[in-house]
Amino acid sequence: MNKADLVNSVAKATGQTKLNVHNTVAALLHALTTSLAKGERVTLVGFGTFERRQRQARYGVNPQNPKQKLKIDAAKVPVFRAGQELKDVVDGRAKQAPLPKAAPSSEAKPKAKKAAAKPAKKAAKAKPAKKAAPAKKKPAAKKKKR
C-alpha cells in the first residue's frame, strides 16, 4: 500500500473527501517527522513507537570490490518499534478492532442538506394547508413546555 492507496482507503472508511484525508495524512507525517528531527519519541498506543537513535561510525565492505573497506559515518536514524496490539493482529493471535463509526458531525452535514432540500419542495407545493395548521399547534406546544 502506498500513500495514495492509504488516502483512498481512509476516505472510503470515514466518508471524508480525498483532499481532506490527504491533508490530514500530510499533517500527521509532517508532525511525526518534525518530532523525530527534534529527538522526541512519538508513541501511538497499541500501534507502536517512533524514535531517533544514534548509529555509530563503522567500517563496511564495497560490494563491487570485497577487498576494499569503506568508512561509514555515524548517523541519526529513525526507528519504529511495533506495539503489542499491532504484533498480535499481524501474527493472527488477535482480531483487528472494527473501525469506529464516523463522527456525527461529518454525517449530519450531508443529511441536513438533503433534509433541508426536500421539505422546501414539499412546503412550496402545500403552502396553504401548512400555514393554517402550525398556528393552532404553537399555543398548545407552549403550554406543554411550561
N, C-alpha and C. Protein backbone atom coordinates (compact mmCIF):
# COMPACT_ATOMS: atom_id res chain seq x y z
N MET A 1 0.86 -1.18 0.00
CA MET A 1 0.00 0.00 0.00
C MET A 1 0.90 1.23 0.00
N ASN A 2 0.60 2.17 -0.88
CA ASN A 2 1.34 3.42 -0.90
C ASN A 2 0.47 4.54 -0.32
N LYS A 3 0.98 5.76 -0.34
CA LYS A 3 0.28 6.89 0.28
C LYS A 3 -1.08 7.13 -0.39
N ALA A 4 -1.16 7.05 -1.70
CA ALA A 4 -2.41 7.27 -2.41
C ALA A 4 -3.45 6.20 -2.04
N ASP A 5 -3.00 4.95 -1.92
CA ASP A 5 -3.90 3.87 -1.51
C ASP A 5 -4.41 4.10 -0.09
N LEU A 6 -3.52 4.56 0.78
CA LEU A 6 -3.90 4.85 2.16
C LEU A 6 -4.95 5.95 2.20
N VAL A 7 -4.74 7.01 1.44
CA VAL A 7 -5.70 8.12 1.39
C VAL A 7 -7.05 7.63 0.89
N ASN A 8 -7.07 6.83 -0.17
CA ASN A 8 -8.32 6.30 -0.71
C ASN A 8 -9.04 5.43 0.31
N SER A 9 -8.30 4.57 0.99
CA SER A 9 -8.89 3.67 1.98
C SER A 9 -9.50 4.44 3.15
N VAL A 10 -8.78 5.43 3.66
CA VAL A 10 -9.28 6.22 4.80
C VAL A 10 -10.47 7.07 4.36
N ALA A 11 -10.42 7.63 3.17
CA ALA A 11 -11.54 8.45 2.67
C ALA A 11 -12.80 7.59 2.55
N LYS A 12 -12.65 6.38 2.07
CA LYS A 12 -13.80 5.49 1.92
C LYS A 12 -14.36 5.09 3.28
N ALA A 13 -13.47 4.81 4.24
CA ALA A 13 -13.90 4.36 5.56
C ALA A 13 -14.56 5.48 6.37
N THR A 14 -14.10 6.71 6.20
CA THR A 14 -14.62 7.82 7.01
C THR A 14 -15.66 8.66 6.31
N GLY A 15 -15.76 8.54 4.99
CA GLY A 15 -16.73 9.34 4.27
C GLY A 15 -16.26 10.77 4.02
N GLN A 16 -15.00 11.04 4.28
CA GLN A 16 -14.45 12.37 4.03
C GLN A 16 -13.94 12.44 2.60
N THR A 17 -13.67 13.67 2.16
CA THR A 17 -13.13 13.83 0.81
C THR A 17 -11.67 13.40 0.80
N LYS A 18 -11.19 13.01 -0.37
CA LYS A 18 -9.79 12.60 -0.50
C LYS A 18 -8.86 13.76 -0.19
N LEU A 19 -9.27 14.97 -0.53
CA LEU A 19 -8.43 16.13 -0.25
C LEU A 19 -8.27 16.33 1.26
N ASN A 20 -9.35 16.21 2.01
CA ASN A 20 -9.27 16.35 3.47
C ASN A 20 -8.38 15.27 4.07
N VAL A 21 -8.55 14.04 3.61
CA VAL A 21 -7.75 12.93 4.13
C VAL A 21 -6.29 13.12 3.74
N HIS A 22 -6.03 13.55 2.50
CA HIS A 22 -4.65 13.78 2.06
C HIS A 22 -3.99 14.84 2.94
N ASN A 23 -4.70 15.93 3.22
CA ASN A 23 -4.15 16.99 4.07
C ASN A 23 -3.90 16.48 5.49
N THR A 24 -4.79 15.64 6.00
CA THR A 24 -4.62 15.08 7.34
C THR A 24 -3.41 14.16 7.40
N VAL A 25 -3.26 13.30 6.41
CA VAL A 25 -2.11 12.39 6.37
C VAL A 25 -0.82 13.20 6.25
N ALA A 26 -0.82 14.22 5.41
CA ALA A 26 0.37 15.06 5.24
C ALA A 26 0.73 15.76 6.55
N ALA A 27 -0.28 16.26 7.27
CA ALA A 27 -0.04 16.93 8.55
C ALA A 27 0.49 15.95 9.59
N LEU A 28 -0.05 14.73 9.60
CA LEU A 28 0.42 13.69 10.52
C LEU A 28 1.88 13.37 10.27
N LEU A 29 2.23 13.14 9.01
CA LEU A 29 3.62 12.81 8.67
C LEU A 29 4.57 13.98 8.95
N HIS A 30 4.10 15.19 8.72
CA HIS A 30 4.92 16.37 8.99
C HIS A 30 5.19 16.49 10.49
N ALA A 31 4.16 16.32 11.31
CA ALA A 31 4.33 16.41 12.76
C ALA A 31 5.24 15.30 13.27
N LEU A 32 5.09 14.10 12.73
CA LEU A 32 5.92 12.96 13.12
C LEU A 32 7.38 13.22 12.77
N THR A 33 7.63 13.68 11.56
CA THR A 33 8.99 13.97 11.11
C THR A 33 9.63 15.08 11.92
N THR A 34 8.87 16.13 12.20
CA THR A 34 9.38 17.25 12.99
C THR A 34 9.77 16.79 14.39
N SER A 35 8.93 15.98 15.01
CA SER A 35 9.23 15.48 16.36
C SER A 35 10.47 14.60 16.36
N LEU A 36 10.60 13.73 15.37
CA LEU A 36 11.78 12.87 15.29
C LEU A 36 13.04 13.68 15.05
N ALA A 37 12.95 14.72 14.23
CA ALA A 37 14.11 15.57 13.96
C ALA A 37 14.58 16.27 15.23
N LYS A 38 13.65 16.59 16.14
CA LYS A 38 13.99 17.22 17.42
C LYS A 38 14.53 16.21 18.42
N GLY A 39 14.41 14.93 18.12
CA GLY A 39 14.88 13.90 19.03
C GLY A 39 13.79 13.39 19.97
N GLU A 40 12.56 13.78 19.73
CA GLU A 40 11.45 13.36 20.57
C GLU A 40 10.97 11.97 20.15
N ARG A 41 10.36 11.29 21.08
CA ARG A 41 9.76 9.98 20.82
C ARG A 41 8.27 10.18 20.57
N VAL A 42 7.73 9.49 19.56
CA VAL A 42 6.30 9.58 19.25
C VAL A 42 5.69 8.19 19.48
N THR A 43 4.77 8.12 20.45
CA THR A 43 4.15 6.84 20.80
C THR A 43 2.67 6.87 20.44
N LEU A 44 2.24 5.90 19.65
CA LEU A 44 0.84 5.70 19.30
C LEU A 44 0.42 4.41 20.00
N VAL A 45 -0.30 4.54 21.11
CA VAL A 45 -0.63 3.41 21.95
C VAL A 45 -1.34 2.33 21.13
N GLY A 46 -0.86 1.10 21.26
CA GLY A 46 -1.44 -0.02 20.53
C GLY A 46 -0.85 -0.21 19.15
N PHE A 47 -0.26 0.84 18.58
CA PHE A 47 0.31 0.75 17.24
C PHE A 47 1.82 0.59 17.31
N GLY A 48 2.50 1.56 17.95
CA GLY A 48 3.95 1.46 18.05
C GLY A 48 4.58 2.78 18.43
N THR A 49 5.91 2.78 18.44
CA THR A 49 6.69 3.95 18.85
C THR A 49 7.71 4.29 17.78
N PHE A 50 7.77 5.55 17.42
CA PHE A 50 8.79 6.07 16.51
C PHE A 50 9.81 6.81 17.36
N GLU A 51 11.09 6.56 17.11
CA GLU A 51 12.12 7.29 17.84
C GLU A 51 13.36 7.44 16.98
N ARG A 52 14.28 8.31 17.45
CA ARG A 52 15.53 8.55 16.74
C ARG A 52 16.66 7.92 17.55
N ARG A 53 17.53 7.19 16.86
CA ARG A 53 18.67 6.57 17.52
C ARG A 53 19.96 7.00 16.83
N GLN A 54 21.05 6.96 17.60
CA GLN A 54 22.37 7.30 17.08
C GLN A 54 23.06 6.02 16.63
N ARG A 55 23.45 5.97 15.38
CA ARG A 55 24.18 4.81 14.85
C ARG A 55 25.67 5.16 14.83
N GLN A 56 26.50 4.29 15.37
CA GLN A 56 27.94 4.52 15.47
C GLN A 56 28.62 4.44 14.11
N ALA A 57 29.74 5.11 14.00
CA ALA A 57 30.56 5.00 12.79
C ALA A 57 31.12 3.58 12.71
N ARG A 58 31.25 3.07 11.50
CA ARG A 58 31.74 1.70 11.35
C ARG A 58 32.40 1.53 9.98
N TYR A 59 33.00 0.39 9.82
CA TYR A 59 33.61 0.07 8.53
C TYR A 59 32.73 -0.94 7.81
N GLY A 60 32.58 -0.75 6.51
CA GLY A 60 31.81 -1.67 5.69
C GLY A 60 32.66 -2.17 4.54
N VAL A 61 32.06 -3.01 3.71
CA VAL A 61 32.76 -3.60 2.58
C VAL A 61 32.09 -3.13 1.30
N ASN A 62 32.90 -2.74 0.31
CA ASN A 62 32.39 -2.36 -1.00
C ASN A 62 31.89 -3.63 -1.70
N PRO A 63 30.59 -3.72 -2.04
CA PRO A 63 30.08 -4.95 -2.66
C PRO A 63 30.68 -5.23 -4.04
N GLN A 64 31.14 -4.21 -4.73
CA GLN A 64 31.74 -4.43 -6.05
C GLN A 64 33.19 -4.89 -5.94
N ASN A 65 33.82 -4.54 -4.83
CA ASN A 65 35.21 -4.95 -4.59
C ASN A 65 35.32 -5.35 -3.12
N PRO A 66 35.07 -6.60 -2.77
CA PRO A 66 35.03 -7.03 -1.37
C PRO A 66 36.33 -6.80 -0.59
N LYS A 67 37.44 -6.61 -1.28
CA LYS A 67 38.71 -6.37 -0.58
C LYS A 67 38.82 -4.93 -0.09
N GLN A 68 38.01 -4.04 -0.65
CA GLN A 68 38.08 -2.62 -0.30
C GLN A 68 37.17 -2.33 0.91
N LYS A 69 37.74 -1.69 1.92
CA LYS A 69 36.99 -1.31 3.12
C LYS A 69 36.52 0.13 2.98
N LEU A 70 35.28 0.41 3.43
CA LEU A 70 34.71 1.75 3.39
C LEU A 70 34.40 2.21 4.81
N LYS A 71 34.63 3.49 5.09
CA LYS A 71 34.28 4.04 6.38
C LYS A 71 32.87 4.62 6.27
N ILE A 72 31.96 4.14 7.13
CA ILE A 72 30.60 4.64 7.16
C ILE A 72 30.48 5.57 8.37
N ASP A 73 30.08 6.80 8.10
CA ASP A 73 29.99 7.80 9.17
C ASP A 73 28.85 7.50 10.14
N ALA A 74 28.96 8.08 11.33
CA ALA A 74 27.88 7.97 12.32
C ALA A 74 26.66 8.71 11.78
N ALA A 75 25.48 8.27 12.20
CA ALA A 75 24.26 8.90 11.70
C ALA A 75 23.14 8.75 12.73
N LYS A 76 22.19 9.67 12.64
CA LYS A 76 20.97 9.58 13.44
C LYS A 76 19.91 8.98 12.53
N VAL A 77 19.28 7.88 12.97
CA VAL A 77 18.34 7.16 12.12
C VAL A 77 16.98 7.01 12.82
N PRO A 78 15.90 7.03 12.04
CA PRO A 78 14.59 6.78 12.64
C PRO A 78 14.37 5.28 12.85
N VAL A 79 13.70 4.95 13.94
CA VAL A 79 13.43 3.55 14.27
C VAL A 79 11.96 3.42 14.67
N PHE A 80 11.32 2.32 14.25
CA PHE A 80 9.95 2.05 14.64
C PHE A 80 9.91 0.74 15.40
N ARG A 81 9.26 0.76 16.57
CA ARG A 81 9.05 -0.46 17.33
C ARG A 81 7.54 -0.70 17.39
N ALA A 82 7.11 -1.84 16.90
CA ALA A 82 5.68 -2.16 16.86
C ALA A 82 5.16 -2.40 18.27
N GLY A 83 3.92 -1.94 18.52
CA GLY A 83 3.27 -2.17 19.80
C GLY A 83 2.71 -3.58 19.87
N GLN A 84 2.37 -4.02 21.09
CA GLN A 84 1.91 -5.39 21.28
C GLN A 84 0.62 -5.67 20.52
N GLU A 85 -0.30 -4.72 20.50
CA GLU A 85 -1.58 -4.93 19.79
C GLU A 85 -1.34 -5.14 18.30
N LEU A 86 -0.46 -4.34 17.69
CA LEU A 86 -0.13 -4.49 16.27
C LEU A 86 0.52 -5.85 16.02
N LYS A 87 1.44 -6.24 16.89
CA LYS A 87 2.11 -7.53 16.74
C LYS A 87 1.11 -8.68 16.79
N ASP A 88 0.16 -8.61 17.73
CA ASP A 88 -0.83 -9.68 17.87
C ASP A 88 -1.74 -9.78 16.64
N VAL A 89 -2.16 -8.65 16.09
CA VAL A 89 -3.03 -8.65 14.92
C VAL A 89 -2.28 -9.19 13.70
N VAL A 90 -1.05 -8.77 13.51
CA VAL A 90 -0.26 -9.22 12.36
C VAL A 90 0.04 -10.72 12.47
N ASP A 91 0.29 -11.21 13.68
CA ASP A 91 0.60 -12.62 13.88
C ASP A 91 -0.65 -13.50 13.84
N GLY A 92 -1.83 -12.91 13.94
CA GLY A 92 -3.06 -13.69 13.90
C GLY A 92 -3.55 -14.12 15.27
N ARG A 93 -2.89 -13.69 16.34
CA ARG A 93 -3.31 -14.06 17.70
C ARG A 93 -4.52 -13.26 18.16
N ALA A 94 -4.78 -12.12 17.50
CA ALA A 94 -5.92 -11.28 17.88
C ALA A 94 -6.57 -10.76 16.61
N LYS A 95 -7.84 -10.38 16.74
CA LYS A 95 -8.56 -9.79 15.62
C LYS A 95 -8.45 -8.28 15.70
N GLN A 96 -8.40 -7.66 14.53
CA GLN A 96 -8.33 -6.21 14.48
C GLN A 96 -9.66 -5.62 14.91
N ALA A 97 -9.60 -4.61 15.74
CA ALA A 97 -10.81 -3.95 16.22
C ALA A 97 -11.51 -3.27 15.05
N PRO A 98 -12.85 -3.29 15.03
CA PRO A 98 -13.56 -2.62 13.92
C PRO A 98 -13.39 -1.12 14.00
N LEU A 99 -13.52 -0.48 12.86
CA LEU A 99 -13.42 0.97 12.82
C LEU A 99 -14.58 1.59 13.58
N PRO A 100 -14.32 2.67 14.31
CA PRO A 100 -15.44 3.35 14.95
C PRO A 100 -16.31 4.00 13.87
N LYS A 101 -17.59 4.17 14.19
CA LYS A 101 -18.48 4.79 13.22
C LYS A 101 -18.05 6.24 13.02
N ALA A 102 -18.35 6.78 11.84
CA ALA A 102 -17.97 8.15 11.51
C ALA A 102 -18.60 9.11 12.51
N ALA A 103 -17.91 10.19 12.78
CA ALA A 103 -18.39 11.20 13.72
C ALA A 103 -19.72 11.76 13.26
N PRO A 104 -20.64 12.06 14.17
CA PRO A 104 -21.95 12.59 13.78
C PRO A 104 -21.86 13.89 13.00
N SER A 105 -20.86 14.70 13.29
CA SER A 105 -20.76 15.98 12.60
C SER A 105 -20.49 15.80 11.11
N SER A 106 -19.70 14.78 10.75
CA SER A 106 -19.41 14.57 9.32
C SER A 106 -20.62 13.98 8.60
N GLU A 107 -21.43 13.17 9.29
CA GLU A 107 -22.61 12.60 8.66
C GLU A 107 -23.79 13.56 8.68
N ALA A 108 -23.88 14.37 9.72
CA ALA A 108 -25.03 15.25 9.87
C ALA A 108 -25.07 16.32 8.78
N LYS A 109 -23.93 16.77 8.35
CA LYS A 109 -23.92 17.83 7.35
C LYS A 109 -24.56 17.40 6.03
N PRO A 110 -24.16 16.25 5.45
CA PRO A 110 -24.81 15.85 4.20
C PRO A 110 -26.31 15.56 4.38
N LYS A 111 -26.69 14.93 5.50
CA LYS A 111 -28.10 14.62 5.72
C LYS A 111 -28.90 15.90 5.90
N ALA A 112 -28.32 16.87 6.59
CA ALA A 112 -29.04 18.13 6.81
C ALA A 112 -29.31 18.83 5.48
N LYS A 113 -28.36 18.77 4.58
CA LYS A 113 -28.55 19.40 3.28
C LYS A 113 -29.68 18.71 2.52
N LYS A 114 -29.67 17.38 2.55
CA LYS A 114 -30.71 16.63 1.85
C LYS A 114 -32.07 16.89 2.50
N ALA A 115 -32.11 16.85 3.81
CA ALA A 115 -33.37 17.05 4.52
C ALA A 115 -33.90 18.46 4.30
N ALA A 116 -33.03 19.44 4.26
CA ALA A 116 -33.45 20.82 4.05
C ALA A 116 -33.97 21.01 2.63
N ALA A 117 -33.40 20.31 1.68
CA ALA A 117 -33.83 20.46 0.29
C ALA A 117 -35.20 19.83 0.05
N LYS A 118 -35.46 18.69 0.65
CA LYS A 118 -36.74 18.01 0.43
C LYS A 118 -37.93 18.75 1.03
N PRO A 119 -37.89 19.20 2.30
CA PRO A 119 -39.04 19.90 2.84
C PRO A 119 -39.32 21.22 2.11
N ALA A 120 -38.31 21.84 1.58
CA ALA A 120 -38.53 23.10 0.86
C ALA A 120 -39.41 22.84 -0.36
N LYS A 121 -39.20 21.73 -1.03
CA LYS A 121 -40.02 21.40 -2.20
C LYS A 121 -41.45 21.07 -1.77
N LYS A 122 -41.58 20.30 -0.69
CA LYS A 122 -42.90 19.93 -0.21
C LYS A 122 -43.65 21.16 0.30
N ALA A 123 -42.95 22.03 0.98
CA ALA A 123 -43.58 23.23 1.52
C ALA A 123 -44.08 24.13 0.40
N ALA A 124 -43.38 24.17 -0.71
CA ALA A 124 -43.79 25.01 -1.83
C ALA A 124 -45.09 24.47 -2.45
N LYS A 125 -45.27 23.16 -2.44
CA LYS A 125 -46.46 22.55 -3.03
C LYS A 125 -47.68 22.71 -2.13
N ALA A 126 -47.49 22.61 -0.82
CA ALA A 126 -48.63 22.58 0.10
C ALA A 126 -48.60 23.75 1.07
N LYS A 127 -48.36 24.94 0.61
CA LYS A 127 -48.28 26.10 1.49
C LYS A 127 -49.59 26.41 2.21
N PRO A 128 -50.73 26.46 1.55
CA PRO A 128 -51.95 26.85 2.25
C PRO A 128 -52.30 25.92 3.41
N ALA A 129 -52.17 24.64 3.26
CA ALA A 129 -52.55 23.69 4.31
C ALA A 129 -51.61 23.79 5.50
N LYS A 130 -50.31 24.00 5.29
CA LYS A 130 -49.35 24.04 6.38
C LYS A 130 -49.40 25.36 7.14
N LYS A 131 -49.80 26.44 6.52
CA LYS A 131 -49.85 27.72 7.22
C LYS A 131 -50.95 27.71 8.28
N ALA A 132 -52.04 27.11 8.01
CA ALA A 132 -53.16 27.10 8.95
C ALA A 132 -52.87 26.15 10.11
N ALA A 133 -52.26 25.00 9.87
CA ALA A 133 -52.03 24.01 10.92
C ALA A 133 -51.02 24.48 11.96
N PRO A 134 -49.87 25.06 11.61
CA PRO A 134 -48.92 25.46 12.64
C PRO A 134 -49.46 26.54 13.57
N ALA A 135 -50.35 27.40 13.13
CA ALA A 135 -50.88 28.44 14.00
C ALA A 135 -51.65 27.82 15.16
N LYS A 136 -52.34 26.71 14.96
CA LYS A 136 -53.09 26.04 16.02
C LYS A 136 -52.16 25.27 16.94
N LYS A 137 -51.06 24.72 16.41
CA LYS A 137 -50.16 23.89 17.21
C LYS A 137 -49.25 24.72 18.11
N LYS A 138 -48.89 25.91 17.75
CA LYS A 138 -47.94 26.69 18.52
C LYS A 138 -48.42 26.99 19.93
N PRO A 139 -49.64 27.49 20.15
CA PRO A 139 -50.07 27.74 21.53
C PRO A 139 -50.09 26.46 22.37
N ALA A 140 -50.49 25.36 21.81
CA ALA A 140 -50.52 24.09 22.57
C ALA A 140 -49.11 23.67 22.94
N ALA A 141 -48.16 23.87 22.06
CA ALA A 141 -46.77 23.49 22.34
C ALA A 141 -46.21 24.35 23.46
N LYS A 142 -46.55 25.61 23.52
CA LYS A 142 -46.05 26.47 24.58
C LYS A 142 -46.61 26.07 25.93
N LYS A 143 -47.85 25.64 25.98
CA LYS A 143 -48.44 25.21 27.24
C LYS A 143 -47.78 23.97 27.76
N LYS A 144 -47.39 23.05 26.90
CA LYS A 144 -46.75 21.80 27.32
C LYS A 144 -45.38 22.07 27.90
N LYS A 145 -44.66 23.04 27.36
CA LYS A 145 -43.31 23.34 27.82
C LYS A 145 -43.32 23.95 29.21
N ARG A 146 -44.34 24.73 29.56
CA ARG A 146 -44.39 25.38 30.87
C ARG A 146 -44.87 24.41 31.86
